[in-house]
Amino acid sequence: MDLQPPPLPPRWPYPPRADAAPAERRTGVALPGLAGVWSLEASPGLALDAPGAGLPEAFGRGGVLRAGPVVLRPYRRGGLVRHVNPGVYCGPGRFRREFQVHRTLWAAGLPTVEPLGWAHRPRLWGSEGVYLTRFAEGTPWPRAWASPGVAAQLGRLVTPAGGILTLDWDRARWAPGPGLMARYRDRLRRSLARLGAPAGLLEQM
C-alpha cells in the first residue's frame, strides 16, 4: 500500500500551485488517435476534441500522441516482457498511482508538466492504460546533451530556475528514508546512460 504524501520540507524551494479541482470520472470516452472507448479520470472540463497525431520528438517506447494541448502516453512495458506483453497490466492501479503522485507534486510546485488524467479499458486478462498531460514546449534533453548547466541542475534534482521539466512519474511512490538523494541520482544516471548520455556528463551529476 502506498504511503500518504509526506509533508513538504521546511526549505521546500518551489512555490505551491493552486489546488486543482478533484478529478472526475467518465465512461465510454473516445481518446484522440486511439481505438475503442475508455474509462477516464481527469480534470473537470478536459476537452478531447482535437485530432490525435504522433509526437515524433517524444522519447520512450513509442506511441505518444498529441491532441491540441493534451499529450497522451499509452503505457508500454519494457525489458524482455515487452516482446510477449507490450501493454497489458493486471489492473489500473499503476495508472491511478502515477496520477496521484504526479498531481501532488504538481500542486506542490515541482517543475513538471501538468497532469491532466488517466484512462483505462479492459484488455485480455487485465487493463490497458493511457496517461494524459498538458503539452509543454521544450527540447528533450537527449537531443541537447551539451546544454550548459543542465547536468548540474539534474544532479541537484532540479532547482526552481533551472528551466527543466520532469515528465515521467510511472512507478513513483512515496518512500521516505535515508539516502534518497543518492538513490535518485543513481536511478537517473542509469536512465540517462540508456539514452546515450556521455559518460563525462553523467560524472557532473
Foldseek 3Di string as FASTA:
>chain_A
DFDDADDDDPPNQFAFDDQADFWDWDWQPDAAPDDDTWIKTWGPPDDRPFHWDFDVQDDDDDDWIDGVFKIKAKDFDDDPCCVVPTFFDAECPQVVVLLVVVSVCNRRGDQAFAWTIKIWDDDDNYIIIMTMTTDDDDHPCLVPLPDPPPLVCVLVPHGPPNPDHDYDCGPPGDDDDPPPSVVSLVVVLVVVVVSPRDPVSSVND
